[in-house]
Amino acid sequence: MTQNVAETVTFALADSVSDAEFVTLSKLTEAFVRSCPGFIFRRLSKGEDGRWTDAVVWQDMATAQAAAKAFEAQDFLPALMGAMKPDSVTMRHETIHWTMAA
């Protein structure tokens, strides 16, 4: 059985970037992410502490890792990464063992 993979990226925005500006930059990635084989779901959220989470669910580890590698070559990457505090970014790929929905 193939196990889905959760990709979780957490970060803080650069001081000069507004929430609205960052959401606009993030939307520039939509066509790329949707075109990646194995894409299932994506959510962008912000906590009360000001840290953001970009959560993506992929079909399996191979498709998650392939998408992460291809992401690095996209034209939107410099602007997107420039909007984040560099030392605040963490990325994890985790195998999903159980899910529940309403």
C-alpha atoms as a PDB file:
ATOM      1  CA  MET A   1       0.000   0.000   0.000  1.00  0.00           C
ATOM      2  CA  THR A   2       1.302   3.443  -0.946  1.00  0.00           C
ATOM      3  CA  GLN A   3       1.508   5.834   1.974  1.00  0.00           C
ATOM      4  CA  ASN A   4       0.861   9.520   1.409  1.00  0.00           C
ATOM      5  CA  VAL A   5       3.493  12.007   2.521  1.00  0.00           C
ATOM      6  CA  ALA A   6       2.990  15.296   4.350  1.00  0.00           C
ATOM      7  CA  GLU A   7       5.396  18.061   3.380  1.00  0.00           C
ATOM      8  CA  THR A   8       5.502  20.764   6.020  1.00  0.00           C
ATOM      9  CA  VAL A   9       7.431  23.995   5.609  1.00  0.00           C
ATOM     10  CA  THR A  10       7.433  26.490   8.487  1.00  0.00           C
ATOM     11  CA  PHE A  11       8.927  29.976   8.375  1.00  0.00           C
ATOM     12  CA  ALA A  12       8.650  33.632   9.344  1.00  0.00           C
ATOM     13  CA  LEU A  13       8.239  36.423   6.831  1.00  0.00           C
ATOM     14  CA  ALA A  14      10.906  39.018   6.201  1.00  0.00           C
ATOM     15  CA  ASP A  15      10.111  42.228   8.067  1.00  0.00           C
ATOM     16  CA  SER A  16       9.398  44.139   4.850  1.00  0.00           C
ATOM     17  CA  VAL A  17       6.803  41.651   3.525  1.00  0.00           C
ATOM     18  CA  SER A  18       3.089  41.925   4.344  1.00  0.00           C
ATOM     19  CA  ASP A  19       0.786  38.939   4.701  1.00  0.00           C
ATOM     20  CA  ALA A  20      -1.113  39.979   1.563  1.00  0.00           C
ATOM     21  CA  GLU A  21       2.122  40.277  -0.439  1.00  0.00           C
ATOM     22  CA  PHE A  22       3.198  36.817   0.660  1.00  0.00           C
ATOM     23  CA  VAL A  23      -0.137  35.219  -0.235  1.00  0.00           C
ATOM     24  CA  THR A  24       0.120  36.830  -3.681  1.00  0.00           C
ATOM     25  CA  LEU A  25       3.647  35.409  -4.105  1.00  0.00           C
ATOM     26  CA  SER A  26       2.458  31.985  -2.942  1.00  0.00           C
ATOM     27  CA  LYS A  27      -0.317  31.947  -5.507  1.00  0.00           C
ATOM     28  CA  LEU A  28       2.350  32.198  -8.218  1.00  0.00           C
ATOM     29  CA  THR A  29       3.316  28.614  -7.295  1.00  0.00           C
ATOM     30  CA  GLU A  30      -0.173  27.195  -7.832  1.00  0.00           C
ATOM     31  CA  ALA A  31       0.134  26.133 -11.475  1.00  0.00           C
ATOM     32  CA  PHE A  32       3.473  24.442 -10.799  1.00  0.00           C
ATOM     33  CA  VAL A  33       2.254  22.541  -7.718  1.00  0.00           C
ATOM     34  CA  ARG A  34      -0.976  21.454  -9.431  1.00  0.00           C
ATOM     35  CA  SER A  35       1.046  20.129 -12.378  1.00  0.00           C
ATOM     36  CA  CYS A  36       3.281  17.948 -10.207  1.00  0.00           C
ATOM     37  CA  PRO A  37       2.507  14.236 -10.323  1.00  0.00           C
ATOM     38  CA  GLY A  38       1.243  13.014  -6.961  1.00  0.00           C
ATOM     39  CA  PHE A  39      -0.128  16.346  -5.691  1.00  0.00           C
ATOM     40  CA  ILE A  40      -3.170  15.854  -3.424  1.00  0.00           C
ATOM     41  CA  PHE A  41      -3.706  18.874  -1.151  1.00  0.00           C
ATOM     42  CA  ARG A  42      -2.149  22.159  -0.057  1.00  0.00           C
ATOM     43  CA  ARG A  43      -2.848  24.642   2.745  1.00  0.00           C
ATOM     44  CA  LEU A  44      -1.083  27.870   3.751  1.00  0.00           C
ATOM     45  CA  SER A  45      -1.689  29.094   7.287  1.00  0.00           C
ATOM     46  CA  LYS A  46      -0.317  31.560   9.836  1.00  0.00           C
ATOM     47  CA  GLY A  47      -0.205  31.087  13.595  1.00  0.00           C
ATOM     48  CA  GLU A  48      -0.754  33.642  16.322  1.00  0.00           C
ATOM     49  CA  ASP A  49       3.026  33.681  16.825  1.00  0.00           C
ATOM     50  CA  GLY A  50       3.485  35.023  13.279  1.00  0.00           C
ATOM     51  CA  ARG A  51       5.013  31.822  11.897  1.00  0.00           C
ATOM     52  CA  TRP A  52       3.612  30.427   8.675  1.00  0.00           C
ATOM     53  CA  THR A  53       3.039  26.820   7.628  1.00  0.00           C
ATOM     54  CA  ASP A  54       2.832  25.615   4.039  1.00  0.00           C
ATOM     55  CA  ALA A  55       1.428  22.076   4.194  1.00  0.00           C
ATOM     56  CA  VAL A  56       1.231  19.832   1.141  1.00  0.00           C
ATOM     57  CA  VAL A  57       0.115  16.215   0.863  1.00  0.00           C
ATOM     58  CA  TRP A  58       1.736  14.077  -1.818  1.00  0.00           C
ATOM     59  CA  GLN A  59       0.927  10.613  -3.121  1.00  0.00           C
ATOM     60  CA  ASP A  60       4.170   9.140  -1.788  1.00  0.00           C
ATOM     61  CA  MET A  61       7.738  10.000  -0.810  1.00  0.00           C
ATOM     62  CA  ALA A  62       9.039   9.746  -4.384  1.00  0.00           C
ATOM     63  CA  THR A  63       6.576  12.322  -5.723  1.00  0.00           C
ATOM     64  CA  ALA A  64       7.178  14.615  -2.710  1.00  0.00           C
ATOM     65  CA  GLN A  65      10.925  14.559  -3.213  1.00  0.00           C
ATOM     66  CA  ALA A  66      10.654  14.994  -6.991  1.00  0.00           C
ATOM     67  CA  ALA A  67       8.397  18.027  -6.542  1.00  0.00           C
ATOM     68  CA  ALA A  68      10.761  19.549  -3.957  1.00  0.00           C
ATOM     69  CA  LYS A  69      13.689  19.156  -6.368  1.00  0.00           C
ATOM     70  CA  ALA A  70      11.742  20.621  -9.307  1.00  0.00           C
ATOM     71  CA  PHE A  71      10.530  23.502  -7.096  1.00  0.00           C
ATOM     72  CA  GLU A  72      14.138  24.668  -6.734  1.00  0.00           C
ATOM     73  CA  ALA A  73      14.364  25.376 -10.482  1.00  0.00           C
ATOM     74  CA  GLN A  74      11.220  27.505 -10.775  1.00  0.00           C
ATOM     75  CA  ASP A  75      11.322  31.192 -11.760  1.00  0.00           C
ATOM     76  CA  PHE A  76       9.183  32.216  -8.780  1.00  0.00           C
ATOM     77  CA  LEU A  77      11.600  30.754  -6.217  1.00  0.00           C
ATOM     78  CA  PRO A  78      13.899  33.770  -5.642  1.00  0.00           C
ATOM     79  CA  ALA A  79      10.978  36.121  -4.876  1.00  0.00           C
ATOM     80  CA  LEU A  80       9.236  33.555  -2.679  1.00  0.00           C
ATOM     81  CA  MET A  81      12.339  32.689  -0.676  1.00  0.00           C
ATOM     82  CA  GLY A  82      13.288  36.350  -0.470  1.00  0.00           C
ATOM     83  CA  ALA A  83      10.019  37.006   1.315  1.00  0.00           C
ATOM     84  CA  MET A  84      11.035  34.645   4.152  1.00  0.00           C
ATOM     85  CA  LYS A  85      13.587  35.102   6.921  1.00  0.00           C
ATOM     86  CA  PRO A  86      16.295  32.658   5.758  1.00  0.00           C
ATOM     87  CA  ASP A  87      17.177  31.319   9.198  1.00  0.00           C
ATOM     88  CA  SER A  88      13.519  30.621   9.988  1.00  0.00           C
ATOM     89  CA  VAL A  89      12.752  28.060   7.258  1.00  0.00           C
ATOM     90  CA  THR A  90      12.359  24.365   8.108  1.00  0.00           C
ATOM     91  CA  MET A  91      11.075  21.643   5.799  1.00  0.00           C
ATOM     92  CA  ARG A  92       9.995  18.112   6.667  1.00  0.00           C
ATOM     93  CA  HIS A  93       8.647  15.161   4.708  1.00  0.00           C
ATOM     94  CA  GLU A  94       6.714  12.710   6.866  1.00  0.00           C
ATOM     95  CA  THR A  95       4.869   9.514   6.002  1.00  0.00           C
ATOM     96  CA  ILE A  96       1.180   9.786   6.871  1.00  0.00           C
ATOM     97  CA  HIS A  97       0.021   6.828   8.959  1.00  0.00           C
ATOM     98  CA  TRP A  98      -3.531   7.922   9.741  1.00  0.00           C
ATOM     99  CA  THR A  99      -5.959  10.653   8.715  1.00  0.00           C
ATOM    100  CA  MET A 100      -9.421  11.706   9.756  1.00  0.00           C
ATOM    101  CA  ALA A 101     -11.846  14.125   8.080  1.00  0.00           C
ATOM    102  CA  ALA A 102     -15.324  15.402   8.867  1.00  0.00           C
END
